[in-house]
């Protein structure tokens, strides 16, 4: 999976949970939850959605590492290969 496919998957998963999100307005290195105003349940659903679409395990211990869009993409890139 290339970078663009991964980004597209992440953004489609995010907009499925928060349809009001405008992907073009996201700042890649700022906290994602604050930008899109996700509560903890929405954030968990986002991570579960990524797990289901990409078949990547995201242990709860790693949740704190996933703050920005860049964090999420880097983490998934390392797992997806």
N, C-alpha and C. Protein backbone atom coordinates (compact mmCIF):
# COMPACT_ATOMS: atom_id res chain seq x y z
N UNK A 1 0.85 -1.18 0.00
CA UNK A 1 0.00 0.00 0.00
C UNK A 1 0.89 1.24 0.00
N UNK A 2 0.65 2.13 -0.95
CA UNK A 2 1.48 3.33 -1.01
C UNK A 2 0.94 4.41 -0.07
N UNK A 3 1.72 5.47 0.05
CA UNK A 3 1.40 6.57 0.97
C UNK A 3 0.02 7.17 0.70
N UNK A 4 -0.31 7.37 -0.56
CA UNK A 4 -1.59 7.99 -0.92
C UNK A 4 -2.76 7.08 -0.57
N UNK A 5 -2.62 5.78 -0.82
CA UNK A 5 -3.67 4.82 -0.46
C UNK A 5 -3.89 4.80 1.05
N UNK A 6 -2.79 4.83 1.79
CA UNK A 6 -2.86 4.81 3.24
C UNK A 6 -3.56 6.07 3.75
N UNK A 7 -3.17 7.22 3.22
CA UNK A 7 -3.80 8.48 3.61
C UNK A 7 -5.29 8.45 3.29
N UNK A 8 -5.63 7.97 2.13
CA UNK A 8 -7.03 7.89 1.71
C UNK A 8 -7.83 6.99 2.64
N UNK A 9 -7.26 5.87 3.04
CA UNK A 9 -7.94 4.95 3.95
C UNK A 9 -8.14 5.59 5.32
N UNK A 10 -7.11 6.26 5.82
CA UNK A 10 -7.21 6.93 7.13
C UNK A 10 -8.29 8.01 7.08
N UNK A 11 -8.27 8.82 6.04
CA UNK A 11 -9.24 9.91 5.93
C UNK A 11 -10.66 9.40 5.74
N UNK A 12 -10.84 8.34 4.97
CA UNK A 12 -12.19 7.80 4.77
C UNK A 12 -12.72 7.19 6.07
N UNK A 13 -11.82 6.59 6.85
CA UNK A 13 -12.22 6.04 8.15
C UNK A 13 -12.62 7.17 9.09
N UNK A 14 -11.85 8.23 9.07
CA UNK A 14 -12.13 9.38 9.92
C UNK A 14 -13.46 10.05 9.54
N UNK A 15 -13.68 10.25 8.25
CA UNK A 15 -14.91 10.93 7.83
C UNK A 15 -16.15 10.04 7.98
N UNK A 16 -15.96 8.73 8.07
CA UNK A 16 -17.09 7.84 8.35
C UNK A 16 -17.59 8.07 9.78
N UNK A 17 -16.69 8.42 10.67
CA UNK A 17 -17.03 8.65 12.08
C UNK A 17 -17.43 10.11 12.30
N UNK A 18 -16.76 11.00 11.61
CA UNK A 18 -17.02 12.44 11.75
C UNK A 18 -17.23 13.04 10.36
N UNK A 19 -18.44 12.90 9.81
CA UNK A 19 -18.70 13.33 8.43
C UNK A 19 -18.48 14.81 8.18
N UNK A 20 -18.48 15.60 9.24
CA UNK A 20 -18.28 17.04 9.07
C UNK A 20 -16.83 17.43 8.82
N UNK A 21 -15.92 16.48 8.99
CA UNK A 21 -14.49 16.75 8.82
C UNK A 21 -14.18 17.05 7.35
N UNK A 22 -13.45 18.13 7.15
CA UNK A 22 -12.97 18.46 5.80
C UNK A 22 -11.50 18.06 5.75
N UNK A 23 -11.21 16.97 5.07
CA UNK A 23 -9.87 16.41 5.03
C UNK A 23 -8.83 17.44 4.58
N UNK A 24 -9.20 18.31 3.65
CA UNK A 24 -8.26 19.30 3.13
C UNK A 24 -7.83 20.31 4.18
N UNK A 25 -8.62 20.46 5.22
CA UNK A 25 -8.30 21.47 6.23
C UNK A 25 -7.47 20.91 7.39
N UNK A 26 -7.20 19.62 7.40
CA UNK A 26 -6.43 19.02 8.49
C UNK A 26 -4.96 19.42 8.41
N UNK A 27 -4.39 19.72 9.57
CA UNK A 27 -2.96 20.04 9.66
C UNK A 27 -2.28 18.77 10.17
N UNK A 28 -1.37 18.23 9.36
CA UNK A 28 -0.82 16.89 9.60
C UNK A 28 -0.04 16.75 10.91
N UNK A 29 0.51 17.86 11.43
CA UNK A 29 1.34 17.74 12.63
C UNK A 29 0.71 18.40 13.86
N UNK A 30 -0.61 18.59 13.83
CA UNK A 30 -1.32 19.09 15.01
C UNK A 30 -2.24 18.00 15.53
N UNK A 31 -2.53 18.01 16.83
CA UNK A 31 -3.35 16.94 17.42
C UNK A 31 -4.67 16.74 16.66
N UNK A 32 -4.86 15.54 16.19
CA UNK A 32 -6.00 15.20 15.33
C UNK A 32 -7.32 15.29 16.08
N UNK A 33 -7.37 14.76 17.29
CA UNK A 33 -8.63 14.77 18.04
C UNK A 33 -9.12 16.18 18.29
N UNK A 34 -8.22 17.10 18.52
CA UNK A 34 -8.61 18.50 18.75
C UNK A 34 -9.11 19.15 17.46
N UNK A 35 -8.48 18.81 16.35
CA UNK A 35 -8.88 19.41 15.07
C UNK A 35 -10.28 18.98 14.65
N UNK A 36 -10.60 17.73 14.93
CA UNK A 36 -11.89 17.21 14.46
C UNK A 36 -12.88 17.01 15.60
N UNK A 37 -12.49 17.40 16.81
CA UNK A 37 -13.36 17.37 17.97
C UNK A 37 -13.97 15.98 18.21
N UNK A 38 -13.10 14.98 18.30
CA UNK A 38 -13.55 13.62 18.58
C UNK A 38 -13.48 13.35 20.08
N UNK A 39 -14.55 12.78 20.62
CA UNK A 39 -14.47 12.35 22.01
C UNK A 39 -13.78 10.99 22.06
N UNK A 40 -13.58 10.49 23.25
CA UNK A 40 -12.80 9.24 23.38
C UNK A 40 -13.48 8.06 22.69
N UNK A 41 -14.79 8.03 22.69
CA UNK A 41 -15.50 6.92 22.03
C UNK A 41 -15.34 7.00 20.51
N UNK A 42 -15.46 8.22 19.96
CA UNK A 42 -15.25 8.39 18.51
C UNK A 42 -13.82 8.02 18.13
N UNK A 43 -12.86 8.41 18.97
CA UNK A 43 -11.45 8.11 18.68
C UNK A 43 -11.24 6.60 18.68
N UNK A 44 -11.84 5.92 19.65
CA UNK A 44 -11.73 4.47 19.71
C UNK A 44 -12.36 3.84 18.47
N UNK A 45 -13.51 4.35 18.05
CA UNK A 45 -14.15 3.83 16.84
C UNK A 45 -13.29 4.08 15.59
N UNK A 46 -12.59 5.20 15.57
CA UNK A 46 -11.67 5.50 14.47
C UNK A 46 -10.55 4.46 14.44
N UNK A 47 -9.95 4.18 15.59
CA UNK A 47 -8.86 3.20 15.65
C UNK A 47 -9.35 1.80 15.31
N UNK A 48 -10.54 1.45 15.75
CA UNK A 48 -11.13 0.15 15.42
C UNK A 48 -11.39 0.06 13.91
N UNK A 49 -11.87 1.16 13.34
CA UNK A 49 -12.10 1.20 11.90
C UNK A 49 -10.81 0.99 11.11
N UNK A 50 -9.72 1.61 11.57
CA UNK A 50 -8.42 1.40 10.92
C UNK A 50 -7.99 -0.05 11.05
N UNK A 51 -8.19 -0.62 12.22
CA UNK A 51 -7.85 -2.03 12.44
C UNK A 51 -8.62 -2.92 11.46
N UNK A 52 -9.91 -2.66 11.31
CA UNK A 52 -10.73 -3.50 10.43
C UNK A 52 -10.36 -3.33 8.96
N UNK A 53 -10.10 -2.10 8.53
CA UNK A 53 -9.79 -1.86 7.11
C UNK A 53 -8.39 -2.33 6.73
N UNK A 54 -7.44 -2.14 7.65
CA UNK A 54 -6.04 -2.41 7.32
C UNK A 54 -5.51 -3.71 7.91
N UNK A 55 -6.32 -4.35 8.75
CA UNK A 55 -5.91 -5.60 9.42
C UNK A 55 -4.64 -5.39 10.24
N UNK A 56 -4.59 -4.24 10.92
CA UNK A 56 -3.43 -3.88 11.75
C UNK A 56 -3.88 -3.84 13.20
N UNK A 57 -3.17 -4.56 14.06
CA UNK A 57 -3.46 -4.48 15.48
C UNK A 57 -2.89 -3.20 16.05
N UNK A 58 -3.72 -2.48 16.79
CA UNK A 58 -3.28 -1.26 17.46
C UNK A 58 -3.54 -1.46 18.95
N UNK A 59 -2.52 -1.93 19.69
CA UNK A 59 -2.72 -2.17 21.11
C UNK A 59 -3.02 -0.88 21.87
N UNK A 60 -3.81 -1.00 22.92
CA UNK A 60 -4.19 0.16 23.71
C UNK A 60 -2.97 0.92 24.21
N UNK A 61 -1.89 0.21 24.47
CA UNK A 61 -0.65 0.84 24.95
C UNK A 61 -0.08 1.84 23.92
N UNK A 62 -0.46 1.68 22.65
CA UNK A 62 0.05 2.56 21.59
C UNK A 62 -0.85 3.76 21.31
N UNK A 63 -2.03 3.80 21.90
CA UNK A 63 -2.98 4.88 21.60
C UNK A 63 -2.37 6.26 21.82
N UNK A 64 -1.59 6.41 22.89
CA UNK A 64 -1.01 7.72 23.22
C UNK A 64 -0.01 8.19 22.17
N UNK A 65 0.55 7.27 21.39
CA UNK A 65 1.51 7.63 20.35
C UNK A 65 0.82 8.24 19.13
N UNK A 66 -0.47 8.05 19.03
CA UNK A 66 -1.22 8.43 17.83
C UNK A 66 -1.95 9.75 18.05
N UNK A 67 -1.21 10.84 18.06
CA UNK A 67 -1.81 12.15 18.33
C UNK A 67 -2.13 12.93 17.06
N UNK A 68 -1.22 12.92 16.12
CA UNK A 68 -1.40 13.71 14.90
C UNK A 68 -1.66 12.80 13.70
N UNK A 69 -2.07 13.40 12.61
CA UNK A 69 -2.25 12.63 11.38
C UNK A 69 -0.93 12.00 10.96
N UNK A 70 0.17 12.74 11.10
CA UNK A 70 1.49 12.19 10.78
C UNK A 70 1.83 10.99 11.67
N UNK A 71 1.47 11.08 12.97
CA UNK A 71 1.72 9.96 13.89
C UNK A 71 0.97 8.72 13.42
N UNK A 72 -0.30 8.90 13.08
CA UNK A 72 -1.14 7.78 12.65
C UNK A 72 -0.59 7.17 11.37
N UNK A 73 -0.24 8.02 10.41
CA UNK A 73 0.28 7.51 9.14
C UNK A 73 1.62 6.80 9.32
N UNK A 74 2.51 7.37 10.12
CA UNK A 74 3.80 6.73 10.36
C UNK A 74 3.65 5.39 11.06
N UNK A 75 2.79 5.34 12.04
CA UNK A 75 2.54 4.11 12.79
C UNK A 75 1.99 3.03 11.86
N UNK A 76 0.99 3.40 11.08
CA UNK A 76 0.37 2.42 10.17
C UNK A 76 1.32 2.00 9.06
N UNK A 77 2.12 2.93 8.56
CA UNK A 77 3.08 2.60 7.51
C UNK A 77 4.05 1.53 8.00
N UNK A 78 4.49 1.66 9.25
CA UNK A 78 5.41 0.69 9.83
C UNK A 78 4.75 -0.67 10.00
N UNK A 79 3.46 -0.68 10.29
CA UNK A 79 2.74 -1.93 10.51
C UNK A 79 2.30 -2.59 9.21
N UNK A 80 1.89 -1.77 8.25
CA UNK A 80 1.38 -2.30 6.99
C UNK A 80 2.53 -2.76 6.09
N UNK A 81 3.64 -2.01 6.16
CA UNK A 81 4.80 -2.40 5.38
C UNK A 81 4.90 -1.72 4.06
